[in-house]
PDB file of N, CA and C in Angstrom:
ATOM      1  N   MET A   1      53.759 -38.496-132.313  1.00  0.00           N
ATOM      2  CA  MET A   1      52.713 -37.459-132.941  1.00  0.00           C
ATOM      3  C   MET A   1      53.803 -36.745-133.728  1.00  0.00           C
ATOM      4  N   TYR A   2      53.363 -36.084-134.662  1.00  0.00           N
ATOM      5  CA  TYR A   2      54.240 -34.995-135.623  1.00  0.00           C
ATOM      6  C   TYR A   2      54.093 -33.740-134.740  1.00  0.00           C
ATOM      7  N   GLY A   3      55.245 -33.232-134.788  1.00  0.00           N
ATOM      8  CA  GLY A   3      55.006 -31.587-133.942  1.00  0.00           C
ATOM      9  C   GLY A   3      56.353 -31.135-134.558  1.00  0.00           C
ATOM     10  N   GLU A   4      56.558 -29.810-134.185  1.00  0.00           N
ATOM     11  CA  GLU A   4      57.824 -29.209-134.137  1.00  0.00           C
ATOM     12  C   GLU A   4      58.937 -29.628-132.985  1.00  0.00           C
ATOM     13  N   PHE A   5      59.892 -29.760-133.471  1.00  0.00           N
ATOM     14  CA  PHE A   5      61.038 -29.034-134.406  1.00  0.00           C
ATOM     15  C   PHE A   5      60.960 -30.061-135.610  1.00  0.00           C
ATOM     16  N   PHE A   6      60.935 -29.142-136.630  1.00  0.00           N
ATOM     17  CA  PHE A   6      60.850 -29.595-137.959  1.00  0.00           C
ATOM     18  C   PHE A   6      62.023 -28.702-138.828  1.00  0.00           C
ATOM     19  N   ASP A   7      63.076 -29.479-138.919  1.00  0.00           N
ATOM     20  CA  ASP A   7      64.439 -28.972-139.196  1.00  0.00           C
ATOM     21  C   ASP A   7      64.319 -28.530-140.740  1.00  0.00           C
ATOM     22  N   ILE A   8      63.779 -27.455-141.087  1.00  0.00           N
ATOM     23  CA  ILE A   8      63.775 -26.876-142.448  1.00  0.00           C
ATOM     24  C   ILE A   8      64.082 -25.609-142.568  1.00  0.00           C
ATOM     25  N   PRO A   9      64.755 -24.994-143.777  1.00  0.00           N
ATOM     26  CA  PRO A   9      64.861 -23.670-143.842  1.00  0.00           C
ATOM     27  C   PRO A   9      63.794 -22.827-143.604  1.00  0.00           C
ATOM     28  N   LYS A  10      63.984 -21.586-143.111  1.00  0.00           N
ATOM     29  CA  LYS A  10      62.847 -20.636-142.924  1.00  0.00           C
ATOM     30  C   LYS A  10      62.073 -20.530-144.257  1.00  0.00           C
ATOM     31  N   PRO A  11      60.876 -20.955-144.168  1.00  0.00           N
ATOM     32  CA  PRO A  11      59.895 -20.776-145.356  1.00  0.00           C
ATOM     33  C   PRO A  11      59.667 -19.425-145.719  1.00  0.00           C
ATOM     34  N   ASP A  12      59.397 -19.159-146.949  1.00  0.00           N
ATOM     35  CA  ASP A  12      59.125 -17.702-147.776  1.00  0.00           C
ATOM     36  C   ASP A  12      57.693 -17.448-146.912  1.00  0.00           C
ATOM     37  N   ASP A  13      56.859 -18.460-147.216  1.00  0.00           N
ATOM     38  CA  ASP A  13      55.496 -18.214-146.526  1.00  0.00           C
ATOM     39  C   ASP A  13      54.856 -19.672-145.923  1.00  0.00           C
ATOM     40  N   ILE A  14      54.219 -19.615-144.821  1.00  0.00           N
ATOM     41  CA  ILE A  14      53.560 -20.519-144.251  1.00  0.00           C
ATOM     42  C   ILE A  14      52.078 -20.473-144.826  1.00  0.00           C
ATOM     43  N   VAL A  15      51.770 -21.420-145.531  1.00  0.00           N
ATOM     44  CA  VAL A  15      50.377 -21.480-145.890  1.00  0.00           C
ATOM     45  C   VAL A  15      49.432 -22.245-145.006  1.00  0.00           C
ATOM     46  N   PHE A  16      49.854 -23.395-144.402  1.00  0.00           N
ATOM     47  CA  PHE A  16      48.895 -24.082-143.424  1.00  0.00           C
ATOM     48  C   PHE A  16      49.769 -24.653-142.156  1.00  0.00           C
ATOM     49  N   ILE A  17      49.129 -24.346-141.045  1.00  0.00           N
ATOM     50  CA  ILE A  17      49.583 -25.079-139.889  1.00  0.00           C
ATOM     51  C   ILE A  17      48.618 -26.230-139.178  1.00  0.00           C
ATOM     52  N   GLY A  18      48.940 -27.456-139.219  1.00  0.00           N
ATOM     53  CA  GLY A  18      48.284 -28.408-138.492  1.00  0.00           C
ATOM     54  C   GLY A  18      48.402 -28.410-137.324  1.00  0.00           C
ATOM     55  N   TRP A  19      47.262 -28.863-136.463  1.00  0.00           N
ATOM     56  CA  TRP A  19      47.451 -29.132-135.245  1.00  0.00           C
ATOM     57  C   TRP A  19      46.727 -30.426-134.712  1.00  0.00           C
ATOM     58  N   PHE A  20      47.193 -30.825-133.582  1.00  0.00           N
ATOM     59  CA  PHE A  20      46.656 -32.087-133.081  1.00  0.00           C
ATOM     60  C   PHE A  20      45.809 -32.011-131.819  1.00  0.00           C
ATOM     61  N   SER A  21      45.108 -32.885-131.329  1.00  0.00           N
ATOM     62  CA  SER A  21      44.193 -32.809-130.149  1.00  0.00           C
ATOM     63  C   SER A  21      45.254 -32.800-128.837  1.00  0.00           C
ATOM     64  N   SER A  22      46.318 -33.538-129.078  1.00  0.00           N
ATOM     65  CA  SER A  22      47.212 -33.436-127.866  1.00  0.00           C
ATOM     66  C   SER A  22      48.093 -31.996-127.841  1.00  0.00           C
ATOM     67  N   GLY A  23      48.062 -31.221-128.566  1.00  0.00           N
ATOM     68  CA  GLY A  23      48.413 -29.758-128.459  1.00  0.00           C
ATOM     69  C   GLY A  23      49.374 -29.479-129.471  1.00  0.00           C
ATOM     70  N   GLU A  24      50.127 -30.498-130.277  1.00  0.00           N
ATOM     71  CA  GLU A  24      51.246 -30.328-130.940  1.00  0.00           C
ATOM     72  C   GLU A  24      50.638 -29.194-132.318  1.00  0.00           C
ATOM     73  N   VAL A  25      51.636 -28.845-132.868  1.00  0.00           N
ATOM     74  CA  VAL A  25      51.590 -27.956-134.031  1.00  0.00           C
ATOM     75  C   VAL A  25      52.603 -28.191-135.041  1.00  0.00           C
ATOM     76  N   PHE A  26      52.312 -28.070-136.223  1.00  0.00           N
ATOM     77  CA  PHE A  26      53.129 -28.652-137.308  1.00  0.00           C
ATOM     78  C   PHE A  26      52.982 -27.862-138.594  1.00  0.00           C
ATOM     79  N   ARG A  27      54.140 -27.058-139.158  1.00  0.00           N
ATOM     80  CA  ARG A  27      53.939 -26.214-140.275  1.00  0.00           C
ATOM     81  C   ARG A  27      53.646 -27.207-141.448  1.00  0.00           C
ATOM     82  N   SER A  28      52.594 -27.353-141.877  1.00  0.00           N
ATOM     83  CA  SER A  28      52.129 -28.507-142.769  1.00  0.00           C
ATOM     84  C   SER A  28      51.881 -27.948-144.318  1.00  0.00           C
ATOM     85  N   GLY A  29      52.150 -26.681-144.459  1.00  0.00           N
ATOM     86  CA  GLY A  29      52.202 -26.058-145.964  1.00  0.00           C
ATOM     87  C   GLY A  29      53.047 -25.051-146.000  1.00  0.00           C
ATOM     88  N   CYS A  30      54.102 -25.189-146.824  1.00  0.00           N
ATOM     89  CA  CYS A  30      55.326 -24.351-146.751  1.00  0.00           C
ATOM     90  C   CYS A  30      55.936 -23.856-148.115  1.00  0.00           C
ATOM     91  N   THR A  31      56.176 -22.593-148.635  1.00  0.00           N
ATOM     92  CA  THR A  31      56.689 -22.487-149.962  1.00  0.00           C
ATOM     93  C   THR A  31      57.989 -21.698-149.728  1.00  0.00           C
ATOM     94  N   TRP A  32      58.899 -22.087-150.671  1.00  0.00           N
ATOM     95  CA  TRP A  32      60.278 -21.410-150.892  1.00  0.00           C
ATOM     96  C   TRP A  32      60.510 -20.907-152.520  1.00  0.00           C
ATOM     97  N   THR A  33      61.286 -20.095-152.636  1.00  0.00           N
ATOM     98  CA  THR A  33      61.887 -19.938-153.922  1.00  0.00           C
ATOM     99  C   THR A  33      63.295 -20.186-153.870  1.00  0.00           C
ATOM    100  N   ARG A  34      63.982 -20.754-155.022  1.00  0.00           N
ATOM    101  CA  ARG A  34      65.375 -20.953-155.036  1.00  0.00           C
ATOM    102  C   ARG A  34      65.475 -20.824-156.603  1.00  0.00           C
ATOM    103  N   GLY A  35      66.331 -19.629-156.797  1.00  0.00           N
ATOM    104  CA  GLY A  35      66.677 -19.243-158.382  1.00  0.00           C
ATOM    105  C   GLY A  35      65.371 -19.064-159.086  1.00  0.00           C
ATOM    106  N   ARG A  36      65.100 -19.648-160.092  1.00  0.00           N
ATOM    107  CA  ARG A  36      63.804 -19.724-160.631  1.00  0.00           C
ATOM    108  C   ARG A  36      62.793 -20.523-160.413  1.00  0.00           C
ATOM    109  N   GLY A  37      63.297 -21.193-159.360  1.00  0.00           N
ATOM    110  CA  GLY A  37      62.079 -22.401-159.075  1.00  0.00           C
ATOM    111  C   GLY A  37      61.304 -22.317-157.797  1.00  0.00           C
ATOM    112  N   LYS A  38      60.506 -22.948-157.799  1.00  0.00           N
ATOM    113  CA  LYS A  38      59.415 -22.804-156.708  1.00  0.00           C
ATOM    114  C   LYS A  38      59.057 -24.112-155.916  1.00  0.00           C
ATOM    115  N   ILE A  39      58.869 -24.003-154.523  1.00  0.00           N
ATOM    116  CA  ILE A  39      59.111 -25.421-153.826  1.00  0.00           C
ATOM    117  C   ILE A  39      57.616 -25.000-152.965  1.00  0.00           C
ATOM    118  N   PHE A  40      56.984 -26.338-152.948  1.00  0.00           N
ATOM    119  CA  PHE A  40      55.845 -26.088-152.024  1.00  0.00           C
ATOM    120  C   PHE A  40      55.690 -27.601-151.357  1.00  0.00           C
ATOM    121  N   TYR A  41      55.751 -27.342-150.206  1.00  0.00           N
ATOM    122  CA  TYR A  41      55.665 -28.520-149.059  1.00  0.00           C
ATOM    123  C   TYR A  41      54.532 -28.572-148.694  1.00  0.00           C
ATOM    124  N   PHE A  42      53.755 -29.685-148.600  1.00  0.00           N
ATOM    125  CA  PHE A  42      52.607 -29.986-148.163  1.00  0.00           C
ATOM    126  C   PHE A  42      52.478 -31.357-147.271  1.00  0.00           C
ATOM    127  N   GLN A  43      51.779 -31.349-146.052  1.00  0.00           N
ATOM    128  CA  GLN A  43      51.731 -32.553-145.191  1.00  0.00           C
ATOM    129  C   GLN A  43      50.319 -32.439-144.748  1.00  0.00           C
ATOM    130  N   PRO A  44      49.369 -33.189-145.740  1.00  0.00           N
ATOM    131  CA  PRO A  44      47.985 -32.949-145.392  1.00  0.00           C
ATOM    132  C   PRO A  44      47.445 -34.136-144.235  1.00  0.00           C
ATOM    133  N   GLY A  45      48.177 -35.198-143.926  1.00  0.00           N
ATOM    134  CA  GLY A  45      47.683 -36.096-143.180  1.00  0.00           C
ATOM    135  C   GLY A  45      48.483 -37.189-143.211  1.00  0.00           C
ATOM    136  N   HIS A  46      47.981 -38.280-142.672  1.00  0.00           N
ATOM    137  CA  HIS A  46      48.748 -39.646-142.775  1.00  0.00           C
ATOM    138  C   HIS A  46      48.434 -40.655-143.702  1.00  0.00           C
ATOM    139  N   GLU A  47      49.327 -41.402-144.190  1.00  0.00           N
ATOM    140  CA  GLU A  47      48.786 -42.446-145.473  1.00  0.00           C
ATOM    141  C   GLU A  47      47.793 -43.445-144.962  1.00  0.00           C
ATOM    142  N   GLU A  48      47.635 -43.582-143.665  1.00  0.00           N
ATOM    143  CA  GLU A  48      46.564 -44.717-143.225  1.00  0.00           C
ATOM    144  C   GLU A  48      45.020 -44.065-143.453  1.00  0.00           C
ATOM    145  N   TYR A  49      44.931 -42.824-143.629  1.00  0.00           N
ATOM    146  CA  TYR A  49      43.756 -42.206-143.818  1.00  0.00           C
ATOM    147  C   TYR A  49      43.679 -41.739-145.216  1.00  0.00           C
ATOM    148  N   PRO A  50      42.349 -41.814-145.962  1.00  0.00           N
ATOM    149  CA  PRO A  50      42.067 -41.619-147.226  1.00  0.00           C
ATOM    150  C   PRO A  50      42.078 -40.178-147.578  1.00  0.00           C
ATOM    151  N   ILE A  51      42.997 -39.263-146.952  1.00  0.00           N
ATOM    152  CA  ILE A  51      42.858 -37.936-147.180  1.00  0.00           C
ATOM    153  C   ILE A  51      43.095 -37.642-148.570  1.00  0.00           C
ATOM    154  N   TYR A  52      43.769 -38.217-149.272  1.00  0.00           N
ATOM    155  CA  TYR A  52      44.082 -37.944-150.666  1.00  0.00           C
ATOM    156  C   TYR A  52      43.122 -38.002-151.667  1.00  0.00           C
ATOM    157  N   HIS A  53      41.991 -38.635-151.158  1.00  0.00           N
ATOM    158  CA  HIS A  53      40.804 -38.609-151.918  1.00  0.00           C
ATOM    159  C   HIS A  53      39.792 -37.608-152.035  1.00  0.00           C
ATOM    160  N   ASP A  54      40.030 -36.673-150.592  1.00  0.00           N
ATOM    161  CA  ASP A  54      39.280 -35.513-150.399  1.00  0.00           C
ATOM    162  C   ASP A  54      39.434 -34.633-151.375  1.00  0.00           C
ATOM    163  N   ALA A  55      38.280 -33.871-151.975  1.00  0.00           N
ATOM    164  CA  ALA A  55      38.269 -32.791-152.835  1.00  0.00           C
ATOM    165  C   ALA A  55      39.194 -31.613-152.530  1.00  0.00           C
ATOM    166  N   ASN A  56      39.225 -31.175-151.310  1.00  0.00           N
ATOM    167  CA  ASN A  56      39.792 -30.087-150.822  1.00  0.00           C
ATOM    168  C   ASN A  56      41.435 -30.269-150.994  1.00  0.00           C
ATOM    169  N   ILE A  57      41.723 -31.490-150.671  1.00  0.00           N
ATOM    170  CA  ILE A  57      43.072 -31.915-150.641  1.00  0.00           C
ATOM    171  C   ILE A  57      43.693 -31.865-152.096  1.00  0.00           C
ATOM    172  N   GLN A  58      43.038 -32.361-152.962  1.00  0.00           N
ATOM    173  CA  GLN A  58      43.171 -32.348-154.472  1.00  0.00           C
ATOM    174  C   GLN A  58      43.248 -31.292-155.008  1.00  0.00           C
ATOM    175  N   LYS A  59      42.418 -30.337-154.471  1.00  0.00           N
ATOM    176  CA  LYS A  59      42.345 -28.855-155.049  1.00  0.00           C
ATOM    177  C   LYS A  59      43.665 -28.165-154.537  1.00  0.00           C
ATOM    178  N   VAL A  60      44.090 -28.425-153.504  1.00  0.00           N
ATOM    179  CA  VAL A  60      45.335 -27.661-152.914  1.00  0.00           C
ATOM    180  C   VAL A  60      46.717 -28.047-153.725  1.00  0.00           C
ATOM    181  N   ILE A  61      46.755 -29.505-153.838  1.00  0.00           N
ATOM    182  CA  ILE A  61      47.691 -29.916-154.925  1.00  0.00           C
ATOM    183  C   ILE A  61      47.660 -29.338-156.297  1.00  0.00           C
ATOM    184  N   LYS A  62      46.572 -29.332-156.723  1.00  0.00           N
ATOM    185  CA  LYS A  62      46.322 -28.893-158.160  1.00  0.00           C
ATOM    186  C   LYS A  62      46.871 -27.350-158.061  1.00  0.00           C
ATOM    187  N   ASN A  63      46.185 -26.597-157.095  1.00  0.00           N
ATOM    188  CA  ASN A  63      46.694 -25.149-157.108  1.00  0.00           C
ATOM    189  C   ASN A  63      48.390 -25.074-156.836  1.00  0.00           C
ATOM    190  N   ALA A  64      48.995 -25.779-155.846  1.00  0.00           N
ATOM    191  CA  ALA A  64      50.421 -25.760-155.696  1.00  0.00           C
ATOM    192  C   ALA A  64      51.135 -26.022-157.088  1.00  0.00           C
ATOM    193  N   VAL A  65      50.653 -27.008-157.846  1.00  0.00           N
ATOM    194  CA  VAL A  65      51.316 -27.434-159.199  1.00  0.00           C
ATOM    195  C   VAL A  65      51.224 -26.270-160.246  1.00  0.00           C
ATOM    196  N   ARG A  66      50.023 -25.442-160.295  1.00  0.00           N
ATOM    197  CA  ARG A  66      49.806 -24.351-160.933  1.00  0.00           C
ATOM    198  C   ARG A  66      50.920 -23.161-160.390  1.00  0.00           C
ATOM    199  N   TRP A  67      50.811 -23.115-159.223  1.00  0.00           N
ATOM    200  CA  TRP A  67      51.633 -21.965-158.641  1.00  0.00           C
ATOM    201  C   TRP A  67      53.381 -22.192-159.041  1.00  0.00           C
ATOM    202  N   ALA A  68      53.500 -23.511-158.931  1.00  0.00           N
ATOM    203  CA  ALA A  68      55.009 -23.856-159.121  1.00  0.00           C
ATOM    204  C   ALA A  68      55.423 -23.815-160.557  1.00  0.00           C
ATOM    205  N   LYS A  69      54.437 -23.904-161.265  1.00  0.00           N
ATOM    206  CA  LYS A  69      54.734 -24.028-162.889  1.00  0.00           C
ATOM    207  C   LYS A  69      55.679 -22.750-163.438  1.00  0.00           C
ATOM    208  N   PRO A  70      56.737 -23.169-164.130  1.00  0.00           N
ATOM    209  CA  PRO A  70      57.506 -22.111-164.358  1.00  0.00           C
ATOM    210  C   PRO A  70      56.727 -21.049-165.524  1.00  0.00           C
ATOM    211  N   VAL A  71      57.014 -19.547-165.220  1.00  0.00           N
ATOM    212  CA  VAL A  71      56.447 -18.579-165.783  1.00  0.00           C
ATOM    213  C   VAL A  71      57.471 -17.945-166.652  1.00  0.00           C
ATOM    214  N   ASN A  72      58.631 -17.890-166.408  1.00  0.00           N
ATOM    215  CA  ASN A  72      59.658 -17.303-167.297  1.00  0.00           C
ATOM    216  C   ASN A  72      60.826 -18.224-167.678  1.00  0.00           C
ATOM    217  N   ARG A  73      60.411 -18.784-168.925  1.00  0.00           N
ATOM    218  CA  ARG A  73      61.363 -19.835-169.406  1.00  0.00           C
ATOM    219  C   ARG A  73      62.772 -19.559-169.997  1.00  0.00           C
ATOM    220  N   LEU A  74      63.698 -20.237-169.781  1.00  0.00           N
ATOM    221  CA  LEU A  74      64.823 -19.769-170.246  1.00  0.00           C
ATOM    222  C   LEU A  74      64.944 -19.555-171.932  1.00  0.00           C
ATOM    223  N   GLU A  75      65.694 -18.604-172.299  1.00  0.00           N
ATOM    224  CA  GLU A  75      66.011 -18.549-173.767  1.00  0.00           C
ATOM    225  C   GLU A  75      66.881 -19.712-174.340  1.00  0.00           C
ATOM    226  N   ALA A  76      68.052 -19.904-173.600  1.00  0.00           N
ATOM    227  CA  ALA A  76      68.490 -21.044-173.924  1.00  0.00           C
ATOM    228  C   ALA A  76      68.878 -22.018-172.599  1.00  0.00           C
ATOM    229  N   PRO A  77      69.110 -23.345-172.777  1.00  0.00           N
ATOM    230  CA  PRO A  77      69.473 -24.308-171.778  1.00  0.00           C
ATOM    231  C   PRO A  77      70.342 -23.832-170.927  1.00  0.00           C
ATOM    232  N   TYR A  78      70.513 -24.331-169.561  1.00  0.00           N
ATOM    233  CA  TYR A  78      71.732 -23.982-168.940  1.00  0.00           C
ATOM    234  C   TYR A  78      72.872 -24.641-169.565  1.00  0.00           C
ATOM    235  N   GLU A  79      74.018 -24.093-169.538  1.00  0.00           N
ATOM    236  CA  GLU A  79      75.434 -24.801-169.848  1.00  0.00           C
ATOM    237  C   GLU A  79      75.608 -25.849-168.930  1.00  0.00           C
ATOM    238  N   CYS A  80      75.765 -27.058-169.459  1.00  0.00           N
ATOM    239  CA  CYS A  80      76.268 -28.287-168.392  1.00  0.00           C
ATOM    240  C   CYS A  80      77.834 -28.857-168.926  1.00  0.00           C
ATOM    241  N   VAL A  81      78.558 -28.624-167.778  1.00  0.00           N
ATOM    242  CA  VAL A  81      80.059 -29.044-168.091  1.00  0.00           C
ATOM    243  C   VAL A  81      79.908 -30.473-168.022  1.00  0.00           C
ATOM    244  N   LYS A  82      80.807 -30.972-168.953  1.00  0.00           N
ATOM    245  CA  LYS A  82      81.037 -32.497-168.857  1.00  0.00           C
ATOM    246  C   LYS A  82      81.743 -32.888-167.762  1.00  0.00           C
ATOM    247  N   VAL A  83      81.573 -33.793-167.118  1.00  0.00           N
ATOM    248  CA  VAL A  83      82.266 -34.249-165.892  1.00  0.00           C
ATOM    249  C   VAL A  83      82.767 -35.521-166.425  1.00  0.00           C
ATOM    250  N   THR A  84      84.341 -35.610-166.231  1.00  0.00           N
ATOM    251  CA  THR A  84      85.023 -36.711-166.495  1.00  0.00           C
ATOM    252  C   THR A  84      85.534 -37.370-165.231  1.00  0.00           C
ATOM    253  N   ASP A  85      86.316 -38.434-165.281  1.00  0.00           N
ATOM    254  CA  ASP A  85      86.795 -39.358-164.334  1.00  0.00           C
ATOM    255  C   ASP A  85      87.947 -38.385-163.663  1.00  0.00           C
ATOM    256  N   ASP A  86      88.446 -37.319-164.125  1.00  0.00           N
ATOM    257  CA  ASP A  86      89.743 -36.820-163.516  1.00  0.00           C
ATOM    258  C   ASP A  86      89.220 -35.795-162.642  1.00  0.00           C
ATOM    259  N   HIS A  87      88.121 -35.409-162.461  1.00  0.00           N
ATOM    260  CA  HIS A  87      87.464 -34.316-161.705  1.00  0.00           C
ATOM    261  C   HIS A  87      86.994 -34.758-160.348  1.00  0.00           C
TER     262      HIS A  87
END
């Protein structure tokens, strides 16, 4: 069964905690910000169950995409250094 120890960086927020009948708990929804980016980790269930067809799960995913959408666009693209074989 899934359970902690889940080796991830400390989340900015824990949105969901899952639990199992055997007593294990698992941080199943976490957020982070990295620079200008946002990360949402979501573990709603197992692929053997049709959980992704559930309207509530789909709503969580849609809300996560809206939350992670960039709001402050860069005025110019990041500078990319050309990498050559010498480096």
